[in-house]
Amino acid sequence: MPERNQQFQKLFVVIDPTRMVQPALIKGEWLAAKDNASLHMYCCVYDERFAADEAEQQTELRLMREWLDRLAAPARENGLNVEVDIEWNSDWRTAVLEAAKAAKAGLVIKTASQHSAVRRRLMKTSDWLLLNKCTSPVLLVSDHRLWENKRALAAVKLKPEDKLHEQLNADLLDVSHSLAERAELELYAATAYQGDDMFFDRQKFADLCRLPRSSVFAEEGAPERAIANVADNIKADVIVIGNPGEAKRNTARLLIDQVAADLLVLPNA
């Protein structure tokens, strides 16, 4: 995990060529302006009609680059450093991962794809591939609205069972505090507990999160439902959560379609 003063200094925004409105770019510009971060706008395009025609491919890439430059113009006019990156590749999901790594992205921002919970269980969606394979934190943006409630929620594991999860908790809290500071958000923390844990030490949990007691919550039940309930109750704009990878029960994956808030997911340790 980068040092705190280096987090989010390079924002890698995934541009969706099928959308007129780009929620990820709107959020990226807003966050970059908060801390004078740089923007790396990336778009992967492909058209089967031109798979064997290099001249047509170059024409398409030129037209898309002109479009990206128009999208980048307002941010550039506001003094932000904006780089435009476009690529022709039929496997855009993998291309995004490789491009983000090559760019040394501090944060990858993507508009969330809308899929049913059943569809997500049955297939690896583009969002899940990005969450599971990306080496940078990923911000999945639900829509174009800015964080008007000014509230972030850190989803903390109550009883980390090993060093990996302990480190994930520590990284998550560092990132959450950094994000709250940079974006001028009020930070809260939530955890889920099972029946035997209902009398856990709330003050100890608050101290772990470096927050006052009034800013931490615990709910009984499945982590994804507990976190979603707290997020809804406090009207969180963004939830920060760790990703344990191919865990049998992955809360980050299960949360994608259960919350209206944006989702900031830390990479696998």
C-alpha atoms as a PDB file:
ATOM      1  CA  MET A   1       0.000   0.000   0.000  1.00  0.00           C
ATOM      2  CA  PRO A   2       1.441   3.451  -0.914  1.00  0.00           C
ATOM      3  CA  GLU A   3       2.452   5.904   1.763  1.00  0.00           C
ATOM      4  CA  ARG A   4      -0.472   7.996   2.905  1.00  0.00           C
ATOM      5  CA  ASN A   5       0.739  11.162   1.202  1.00  0.00           C
ATOM      6  CA  GLN A   6       1.051   9.254  -2.090  1.00  0.00           C
ATOM      7  CA  GLN A   7      -2.399   7.695  -2.111  1.00  0.00           C
ATOM      8  CA  PHE A   8      -4.714   8.788  -4.906  1.00  0.00           C
ATOM      9  CA  GLN A   9      -2.147  11.028  -6.584  1.00  0.00           C
ATOM     10  CA  LYS A  10      -2.725   9.357  -9.955  1.00  0.00           C
ATOM     11  CA  LEU A  11      -6.347   8.585 -10.753  1.00  0.00           C
ATOM     12  CA  PHE A  12      -6.860   6.051 -13.545  1.00  0.00           C
ATOM     13  CA  VAL A  13     -10.345   6.563 -15.013  1.00  0.00           C
ATOM     14  CA  VAL A  14     -11.866   3.819 -17.149  1.00  0.00           C
ATOM     15  CA  ILE A  15     -13.880   5.437 -19.942  1.00  0.00           C
ATOM     16  CA  ASP A  16     -16.822   3.439 -21.271  1.00  0.00           C
ATOM     17  CA  PRO A  17     -17.119   4.068 -25.031  1.00  0.00           C
ATOM     18  CA  THR A  18     -20.767   2.945 -24.977  1.00  0.00           C
ATOM     19  CA  ARG A  19     -21.891   5.724 -22.586  1.00  0.00           C
ATOM     20  CA  MET A  20     -22.723   9.337 -23.308  1.00  0.00           C
ATOM     21  CA  VAL A  21     -22.360  10.284 -19.629  1.00  0.00           C
ATOM     22  CA  GLN A  22     -19.208   9.137 -17.807  1.00  0.00           C
ATOM     23  CA  PRO A  23     -19.880   8.929 -14.035  1.00  0.00           C
ATOM     24  CA  ALA A  24     -16.355   7.623 -13.369  1.00  0.00           C
ATOM     25  CA  LEU A  25     -14.830  10.670 -15.055  1.00  0.00           C
ATOM     26  CA  ILE A  26     -17.127  13.061 -13.193  1.00  0.00           C
ATOM     27  CA  LYS A  27     -16.032  11.561  -9.862  1.00  0.00           C
ATOM     28  CA  GLY A  28     -12.410  11.392 -10.983  1.00  0.00           C
ATOM     29  CA  GLU A  29     -12.289  15.079 -11.918  1.00  0.00           C
ATOM     30  CA  TRP A  30     -13.922  16.031  -8.633  1.00  0.00           C
ATOM     31  CA  LEU A  31     -11.498  13.953  -6.548  1.00  0.00           C
ATOM     32  CA  ALA A  32      -8.475  15.131  -8.536  1.00  0.00           C
ATOM     33  CA  ALA A  33      -9.432  18.764  -8.008  1.00  0.00           C
ATOM     34  CA  LYS A  34      -9.607  18.161  -4.241  1.00  0.00           C
ATOM     35  CA  ASP A  35      -5.898  17.346  -4.082  1.00  0.00           C
ATOM     36  CA  ASN A  36      -4.460  18.431  -7.442  1.00  0.00           C
ATOM     37  CA  ALA A  37      -4.024  14.800  -8.484  1.00  0.00           C
ATOM     38  CA  SER A  38      -3.376  13.794 -12.071  1.00  0.00           C
ATOM     39  CA  LEU A  39      -5.915  12.007 -14.269  1.00  0.00           C
ATOM     40  CA  HIS A  40      -5.164   9.138 -16.622  1.00  0.00           C
ATOM     41  CA  MET A  41      -8.166   8.580 -18.893  1.00  0.00           C
ATOM     42  CA  TYR A  42      -8.118   5.103 -20.446  1.00  0.00           C
ATOM     43  CA  CYS A  43     -10.412   3.700 -23.101  1.00  0.00           C
ATOM     44  CA  CYS A  44     -10.240   0.306 -24.791  1.00  0.00           C
ATOM     45  CA  VAL A  45     -12.108  -0.041 -28.091  1.00  0.00           C
ATOM     46  CA  TYR A  46     -12.776  -2.889 -30.497  1.00  0.00           C
ATOM     47  CA  ASP A  47     -15.068  -3.530 -33.428  1.00  0.00           C
ATOM     48  CA  GLU A  48     -15.236  -6.941 -35.063  1.00  0.00           C
ATOM     49  CA  ARG A  49     -16.001  -5.333 -38.430  1.00  0.00           C
ATOM     50  CA  PHE A  50     -12.490  -3.917 -38.524  1.00  0.00           C
ATOM     51  CA  ALA A  51     -10.626  -6.842 -36.936  1.00  0.00           C
ATOM     52  CA  ALA A  52      -8.523  -7.403 -40.076  1.00  0.00           C
ATOM     53  CA  ASP A  53      -8.431  -3.819 -41.359  1.00  0.00           C
ATOM     54  CA  GLU A  54      -5.625  -1.834 -39.747  1.00  0.00           C
ATOM     55  CA  ALA A  55      -6.491   1.354 -41.614  1.00  0.00           C
ATOM     56  CA  GLU A  56     -10.054   1.328 -40.264  1.00  0.00           C
ATOM     57  CA  GLN A  57      -8.718   0.578 -36.791  1.00  0.00           C
ATOM     58  CA  GLN A  58      -6.494   3.634 -36.939  1.00  0.00           C
ATOM     59  CA  THR A  59      -9.444   5.740 -38.089  1.00  0.00           C
ATOM     60  CA  GLU A  60     -11.544   4.507 -35.160  1.00  0.00           C
ATOM     61  CA  LEU A  61      -8.711   5.178 -32.707  1.00  0.00           C
ATOM     62  CA  ARG A  62      -8.262   8.701 -34.081  1.00  0.00           C
ATOM     63  CA  LEU A  63     -11.955   9.472 -33.719  1.00  0.00           C
ATOM     64  CA  MET A  64     -12.043   8.065 -30.184  1.00  0.00           C
ATOM     65  CA  ARG A  65      -8.963  10.046 -29.199  1.00  0.00           C
ATOM     66  CA  GLU A  66     -10.624  13.232 -30.420  1.00  0.00           C
ATOM     67  CA  TRP A  67     -13.666  12.345 -28.293  1.00  0.00           C
ATOM     68  CA  LEU A  68     -11.482  11.667 -25.243  1.00  0.00           C
ATOM     69  CA  ASP A  69      -9.694  14.987 -25.713  1.00  0.00           C
ATOM     70  CA  ARG A  70     -13.082  16.735 -25.727  1.00  0.00           C
ATOM     71  CA  LEU A  71     -14.004  14.913 -22.501  1.00  0.00           C
ATOM     72  CA  ALA A  72     -10.677  15.921 -20.964  1.00  0.00           C
ATOM     73  CA  ALA A  73     -10.936  19.584 -21.965  1.00  0.00           C
ATOM     74  CA  PRO A  74     -12.864  20.873 -18.889  1.00  0.00           C
ATOM     75  CA  ALA A  75     -10.410  19.259 -16.454  1.00  0.00           C
ATOM     76  CA  ARG A  76      -7.437  20.611 -18.380  1.00  0.00           C
ATOM     77  CA  GLU A  77      -8.988  24.072 -18.438  1.00  0.00           C
ATOM     78  CA  ASN A  78      -9.251  23.837 -14.645  1.00  0.00           C
ATOM     79  CA  GLY A  79      -5.526  23.227 -14.411  1.00  0.00           C
ATOM     80  CA  LEU A  80      -5.491  19.453 -13.933  1.00  0.00           C
ATOM     81  CA  ASN A  81      -2.871  17.264 -15.541  1.00  0.00           C
ATOM     82  CA  VAL A  82      -4.816  14.874 -17.802  1.00  0.00           C
ATOM     83  CA  GLU A  83      -3.330  12.075 -19.885  1.00  0.00           C
ATOM     84  CA  VAL A  84      -5.405  10.345 -22.563  1.00  0.00           C
ATOM     85  CA  ASP A  85      -4.737   6.700 -23.347  1.00  0.00           C
ATOM     86  CA  ILE A  86      -6.606   4.647 -25.960  1.00  0.00           C
ATOM     87  CA  GLU A  87      -6.057   1.065 -27.056  1.00  0.00           C
ATOM     88  CA  TRP A  88      -7.479  -1.396 -29.585  1.00  0.00           C
ATOM     89  CA  ASN A  89      -8.017  -4.749 -27.889  1.00  0.00           C
ATOM     90  CA  SER A  90     -10.778  -7.365 -28.032  1.00  0.00           C
ATOM     91  CA  ASP A  91     -10.151  -8.363 -24.392  1.00  0.00           C
ATOM     92  CA  TRP A  92     -10.866  -5.012 -22.776  1.00  0.00           C
ATOM     93  CA  ARG A  93     -11.165  -6.430 -19.251  1.00  0.00           C
ATOM     94  CA  THR A  94      -7.599  -7.725 -19.212  1.00  0.00           C
ATOM     95  CA  ALA A  95      -6.406  -4.653 -21.112  1.00  0.00           C
ATOM     96  CA  VAL A  96      -7.731  -2.385 -18.356  1.00  0.00           C
ATOM     97  CA  LEU A  97      -5.795  -4.331 -15.712  1.00  0.00           C
ATOM     98  CA  GLU A  98      -2.539  -4.209 -17.643  1.00  0.00           C
ATOM     99  CA  ALA A  99      -2.925  -0.523 -18.496  1.00  0.00           C
ATOM    100  CA  ALA A 100      -3.648   0.434 -14.866  1.00  0.00           C
ATOM    101  CA  LYS A 101      -0.567  -1.459 -13.711  1.00  0.00           C
ATOM    102  CA  ALA A 102       1.625   0.129 -16.381  1.00  0.00           C
ATOM    103  CA  ALA A 103       0.344   3.585 -15.419  1.00  0.00           C
ATOM    104  CA  LYS A 104       1.163   2.951 -11.739  1.00  0.00           C
ATOM    105  CA  ALA A 105      -2.373   3.964 -10.842  1.00  0.00           C
ATOM    106  CA  GLY A 106      -2.947   5.120  -7.275  1.00  0.00           C
ATOM    107  CA  LEU A 107      -6.687   4.580  -7.707  1.00  0.00           C
ATOM    108  CA  VAL A 108      -8.688   2.996 -10.524  1.00  0.00           C
ATOM    109  CA  ILE A 109     -12.148   4.523 -11.042  1.00  0.00           C
ATOM    110  CA  LYS A 110     -14.805   2.672 -13.029  1.00  0.00           C
ATOM    111  CA  THR A 111     -18.535   3.109 -13.486  1.00  0.00           C
ATOM    112  CA  ALA A 112     -20.183   0.050 -11.943  1.00  0.00           C
ATOM    113  CA  SER A 113     -21.804  -2.394 -14.339  1.00  0.00           C
ATOM    114  CA  GLN A 114     -25.398  -3.246 -13.514  1.00  0.00           C
ATOM    115  CA  HIS A 115     -25.985  -6.974 -13.123  1.00  0.00           C
ATOM    116  CA  SER A 116     -28.420  -9.027 -11.116  1.00  0.00           C
ATOM    117  CA  ALA A 117     -27.099 -10.887  -8.089  1.00  0.00           C
ATOM    118  CA  VAL A 118     -27.813 -14.184  -9.871  1.00  0.00           C
ATOM    119  CA  ARG A 119     -25.806 -13.115 -12.898  1.00  0.00           C
ATOM    120  CA  ARG A 120     -22.865 -12.179 -10.691  1.00  0.00           C
ATOM    121  CA  ARG A 121     -22.943 -15.575  -9.009  1.00  0.00           C
ATOM    122  CA  LEU A 122     -22.948 -17.380 -12.338  1.00  0.00           C
ATOM    123  CA  MET A 123     -20.250 -15.457 -14.162  1.00  0.00           C
ATOM    124  CA  LYS A 124     -17.233 -13.275 -13.626  1.00  0.00           C
ATOM    125  CA  THR A 125     -18.394  -9.784 -14.516  1.00  0.00           C
ATOM    126  CA  SER A 126     -16.025  -7.018 -15.554  1.00  0.00           C
ATOM    127  CA  ASP A 127     -16.364  -5.419 -12.115  1.00  0.00           C
ATOM    128  CA  TRP A 128     -15.454  -8.604 -10.311  1.00  0.00           C
ATOM    129  CA  LEU A 129     -12.460  -9.278 -12.560  1.00  0.00           C
ATOM    130  CA  LEU A 130     -11.198  -5.775 -11.836  1.00  0.00           C
ATOM    131  CA  LEU A 131     -11.755  -6.101  -8.086  1.00  0.00           C
ATOM    132  CA  ASN A 132     -10.103  -9.490  -7.879  1.00  0.00           C
ATOM    133  CA  LYS A 133      -7.101  -8.885 -10.135  1.00  0.00           C
ATOM    134  CA  CYS A 134      -6.269  -5.187  -9.883  1.00  0.00           C
ATOM    135  CA  THR A 135      -3.143  -4.290  -7.893  1.00  0.00           C
ATOM    136  CA  SER A 136      -4.477  -0.787  -7.102  1.00  0.00           C
ATOM    137  CA  PRO A 137      -7.521   0.237  -5.059  1.00  0.00           C
ATOM    138  CA  VAL A 138     -10.665   0.345  -7.198  1.00  0.00           C
ATOM    139  CA  LEU A 139     -13.508   2.834  -6.858  1.00  0.00           C
ATOM    140  CA  LEU A 140     -16.735   1.500  -8.377  1.00  0.00           C
ATOM    141  CA  VAL A 141     -18.976   4.495  -9.073  1.00  0.00           C
ATOM    142  CA  SER A 142     -22.724   3.906  -8.923  1.00  0.00           C
ATOM    143  CA  ASP A 143     -23.773   7.163 -10.633  1.00  0.00           C
ATOM    144  CA  HIS A 144     -22.637  10.694 -11.444  1.00  0.00           C
ATOM    145  CA  ARG A 145     -23.783  12.314  -8.169  1.00  0.00           C
ATOM    146  CA  LEU A 146     -21.018  13.790  -6.043  1.00  0.00           C
ATOM    147  CA  TRP A 147     -20.623  12.871  -2.377  1.00  0.00           C
ATOM    148  CA  GLU A 148     -23.081  15.451  -1.109  1.00  0.00           C
ATOM    149  CA  ASN A 149     -23.738  13.753   2.259  1.00  0.00           C
ATOM    150  CA  LYS A 150     -19.991  13.953   2.979  1.00  0.00           C
ATOM    151  CA  ARG A 151     -19.910  10.573   4.720  1.00  0.00           C
ATOM    152  CA  ALA A 152     -17.589   7.616   4.232  1.00  0.00           C
ATOM    153  CA  LEU A 153     -17.970   4.203   5.863  1.00  0.00           C
ATOM    154  CA  ALA A 154     -15.059   1.858   6.570  1.00  0.00           C
ATOM    155  CA  ALA A 155     -16.095  -1.817   6.640  1.00  0.00           C
ATOM    156  CA  VAL A 156     -13.812  -3.360   9.278  1.00  0.00           C
ATOM    157  CA  LYS A 157     -13.501  -7.042  10.089  1.00  0.00           C
ATOM    158  CA  LEU A 158     -14.230  -7.528  13.801  1.00  0.00           C
ATOM    159  CA  LYS A 159     -12.037 -10.585  14.371  1.00  0.00           C
ATOM    160  CA  PRO A 160      -9.335 -10.922  11.720  1.00  0.00           C
ATOM    161  CA  GLU A 161      -8.375 -14.585  11.733  1.00  0.00           C
ATOM    162  CA  ASP A 162      -4.824 -14.207  10.455  1.00  0.00           C
ATOM    163  CA  LYS A 163      -2.028 -11.727   9.693  1.00  0.00           C
ATOM    164  CA  LEU A 164      -3.392 -11.143   6.197  1.00  0.00           C
ATOM    165  CA  HIS A 165      -6.728  -9.880   7.526  1.00  0.00           C
ATOM    166  CA  GLU A 166      -5.034  -7.865  10.282  1.00  0.00           C
ATOM    167  CA  GLN A 167      -2.960  -6.071   7.662  1.00  0.00           C
ATOM    168  CA  LEU A 168      -6.031  -5.606   5.475  1.00  0.00           C
ATOM    169  CA  ASN A 169      -7.803  -3.914   8.420  1.00  0.00           C
ATOM    170  CA  ALA A 170      -4.811  -1.636   9.001  1.00  0.00           C
ATOM    171  CA  ASP A 171      -4.521  -0.692   5.320  1.00  0.00           C
ATOM    172  CA  LEU A 172      -8.264  -0.149   5.080  1.00  0.00           C
ATOM    173  CA  LEU A 173      -8.299   2.267   7.992  1.00  0.00           C
ATOM    174  CA  ASP A 174      -5.296   4.179   6.645  1.00  0.00           C
ATOM    175  CA  VAL A 175      -6.957   4.545   3.247  1.00  0.00           C
ATOM    176  CA  SER A 176     -10.307   5.476   4.819  1.00  0.00           C
ATOM    177  CA  HIS A 177      -8.789   8.238   6.932  1.00  0.00           C
ATOM    178  CA  SER A 178      -6.777   9.513   3.964  1.00  0.00           C
ATOM    179  CA  LEU A 179      -9.834   9.572   1.701  1.00  0.00           C
ATOM    180  CA  ALA A 180     -11.949  11.298   4.342  1.00  0.00           C
ATOM    181  CA  GLU A 181      -9.289  13.951   4.813  1.00  0.00           C
ATOM    182  CA  ARG A 182      -8.762  14.585   1.115  1.00  0.00           C
ATOM    183  CA  ALA A 183     -12.440  14.583   0.126  1.00  0.00           C
ATOM    184  CA  GLU A 184     -13.587  16.389   3.297  1.00  0.00           C
ATOM    185  CA  LEU A 185     -15.797  13.543   4.467  1.00  0.00           C
ATOM    186  CA  GLU A 186     -16.962  12.493   7.914  1.00  0.00           C
ATOM    187  CA  LEU A 187     -15.650   8.992   8.549  1.00  0.00           C
ATOM    188  CA  TYR A 188     -17.604   6.162  10.191  1.00  0.00           C
ATOM    189  CA  ALA A 189     -16.772   2.497  10.696  1.00  0.00           C
ATOM    190  CA  ALA A 190     -18.964  -0.588  10.802  1.00  0.00           C
ATOM    191  CA  THR A 191     -18.486  -4.259  11.524  1.00  0.00           C
ATOM    192  CA  ALA A 192     -20.629  -7.388  11.575  1.00  0.00           C
ATOM    193  CA  TYR A 193     -20.853  -9.790  14.491  1.00  0.00           C
ATOM    194  CA  GLN A 194     -22.341 -13.180  15.208  1.00  0.00           C
ATOM    195  CA  GLY A 195     -24.281 -14.130  18.344  1.00  0.00           C
ATOM    196  CA  ASP A 196     -21.269 -14.888  20.533  1.00  0.00           C
ATOM    197  CA  ASP A 197     -19.702 -11.504  19.785  1.00  0.00           C
ATOM    198  CA  MET A 198     -22.628  -9.256  20.675  1.00  0.00           C
ATOM    199  CA  PHE A 199     -20.929  -7.934  23.814  1.00  0.00           C
ATOM    200  CA  PHE A 200     -17.726  -6.889  22.082  1.00  0.00           C
ATOM    201  CA  ASP A 201     -15.800  -3.885  23.440  1.00  0.00           C
ATOM    202  CA  ARG A 202     -17.129  -0.901  21.497  1.00  0.00           C
ATOM    203  CA  GLN A 203     -14.530   1.488  22.878  1.00  0.00           C
ATOM    204  CA  LYS A 204     -11.739  -0.880  21.867  1.00  0.00           C
ATOM    205  CA  PHE A 205     -13.227  -1.055  18.376  1.00  0.00           C
ATOM    206  CA  ALA A 206     -13.475   2.750  18.209  1.00  0.00           C
ATOM    207  CA  ASP A 207      -9.848   3.057  19.311  1.00  0.00           C
ATOM    208  CA  LEU A 208      -8.797   0.560  16.631  1.00  0.00           C
ATOM    209  CA  CYS A 209     -10.602   2.666  14.025  1.00  0.00           C
ATOM    210  CA  ARG A 210      -9.195   5.926  15.454  1.00  0.00           C
ATOM    211  CA  LEU A 211     -12.732   7.275  15.724  1.00  0.00           C
ATOM    212  CA  PRO A 212     -15.070   8.417  18.511  1.00  0.00           C
ATOM    213  CA  ARG A 213     -17.536   5.862  19.883  1.00  0.00           C
ATOM    214  CA  SER A 214     -20.410   7.692  18.241  1.00  0.00           C
ATOM    215  CA  SER A 215     -18.907   7.028  14.810  1.00  0.00           C
ATOM    216  CA  VAL A 216     -18.640   3.229  15.018  1.00  0.00           C
ATOM    217  CA  PHE A 217     -21.418   0.668  14.547  1.00  0.00           C
ATOM    218  CA  ALA A 218     -21.914  -3.074  14.828  1.00  0.00           C
ATOM    219  CA  GLU A 219     -24.773  -5.163  13.465  1.00  0.00           C
ATOM    220  CA  GLU A 220     -25.486  -8.847  13.809  1.00  0.00           C
ATOM    221  CA  GLY A 221     -25.680 -10.984  10.699  1.00  0.00           C
ATOM    222  CA  ALA A 222     -23.987 -11.528   7.366  1.00  0.00           C
ATOM    223  CA  PRO A 223     -21.284  -8.894   6.744  1.00  0.00           C
ATOM    224  CA  GLU A 224     -22.719  -7.680   3.433  1.00  0.00           C
ATOM    225  CA  ARG A 225     -26.147  -7.056   4.967  1.00  0.00           C
ATOM    226  CA  ALA A 226     -24.736  -5.475   8.123  1.00  0.00           C
ATOM    227  CA  ILE A 227     -22.520  -3.095   6.152  1.00  0.00           C
ATOM    228  CA  ALA A 228     -25.325  -2.272   3.711  1.00  0.00           C
ATOM    229  CA  ASN A 229     -27.729  -1.500   6.587  1.00  0.00           C
ATOM    230  CA  VAL A 230     -25.303   0.866   8.293  1.00  0.00           C
ATOM    231  CA  ALA A 231     -24.457   2.538   4.978  1.00  0.00           C
ATOM    232  CA  ASP A 232     -28.146   3.123   4.287  1.00  0.00           C
ATOM    233  CA  ASN A 233     -28.811   4.411   7.811  1.00  0.00           C
ATOM    234  CA  ILE A 234     -26.016   6.972   7.830  1.00  0.00           C
ATOM    235  CA  LYS A 235     -26.475   7.793   4.124  1.00  0.00           C
ATOM    236  CA  ALA A 236     -22.875   6.952   3.286  1.00  0.00           C
ATOM    237  CA  ASP A 237     -21.604   8.252  -0.052  1.00  0.00           C
ATOM    238  CA  VAL A 238     -18.795   5.713  -0.260  1.00  0.00           C
ATOM    239  CA  ILE A 239     -17.926   2.444   1.470  1.00  0.00           C
ATOM    240  CA  VAL A 240     -14.294   1.406   1.886  1.00  0.00           C
ATOM    241  CA  ILE A 241     -13.821  -2.348   2.070  1.00  0.00           C
ATOM    242  CA  GLY A 242     -10.995  -4.861   1.800  1.00  0.00           C
ATOM    243  CA  ASN A 243     -10.840  -7.662  -0.728  1.00  0.00           C
ATOM    244  CA  PRO A 244      -9.530 -11.017   0.571  1.00  0.00           C
ATOM    245  CA  GLY A 245      -9.376 -12.440  -2.953  1.00  0.00           C
ATOM    246  CA  GLU A 246     -10.928 -15.791  -3.724  1.00  0.00           C
ATOM    247  CA  ALA A 247     -12.404 -16.218  -0.251  1.00  0.00           C
ATOM    248  CA  LYS A 248     -15.402 -18.511  -0.016  1.00  0.00           C
ATOM    249  CA  ARG A 249     -17.532 -15.605   1.144  1.00  0.00           C
ATOM    250  CA  ASN A 250     -16.334 -12.351  -0.334  1.00  0.00           C
ATOM    251  CA  THR A 251     -18.160  -9.397   1.185  1.00  0.00           C
ATOM    252  CA  ALA A 252     -16.905  -6.899  -1.389  1.00  0.00           C
ATOM    253  CA  ARG A 253     -18.330  -8.960  -4.228  1.00  0.00           C
ATOM    254  CA  LEU A 254     -21.650  -9.476  -2.454  1.00  0.00           C
ATOM    255  CA  LEU A 255     -21.997  -5.752  -1.695  1.00  0.00           C
ATOM    256  CA  ILE A 256     -21.753  -4.583  -5.296  1.00  0.00           C
ATOM    257  CA  ASP A 257     -25.471  -4.813  -6.028  1.00  0.00           C
ATOM    258  CA  GLN A 258     -26.789  -4.195  -2.509  1.00  0.00           C
ATOM    259  CA  VAL A 259     -25.808  -0.573  -1.887  1.00  0.00           C
ATOM    260  CA  ALA A 260     -26.464   2.763  -3.523  1.00  0.00           C
ATOM    261  CA  ALA A 261     -23.122   4.115  -2.305  1.00  0.00           C
ATOM    262  CA  ASP A 262     -19.931   4.018  -4.302  1.00  0.00           C
ATOM    263  CA  LEU A 263     -17.586   1.188  -3.354  1.00  0.00           C
ATOM    264  CA  LEU A 264     -13.846   1.645  -2.787  1.00  0.00           C
ATOM    265  CA  VAL A 265     -12.206  -1.783  -2.710  1.00  0.00           C
ATOM    266  CA  LEU A 266      -8.626  -2.355  -1.601  1.00  0.00           C
ATOM    267  CA  PRO A 267      -6.538  -4.853  -3.565  1.00  0.00           C
ATOM    268  CA  ASN A 268      -5.628  -8.328  -2.373  1.00  0.00           C
ATOM    269  CA  ALA A 269      -2.758  -8.391   0.068  1.00  0.00           C
END
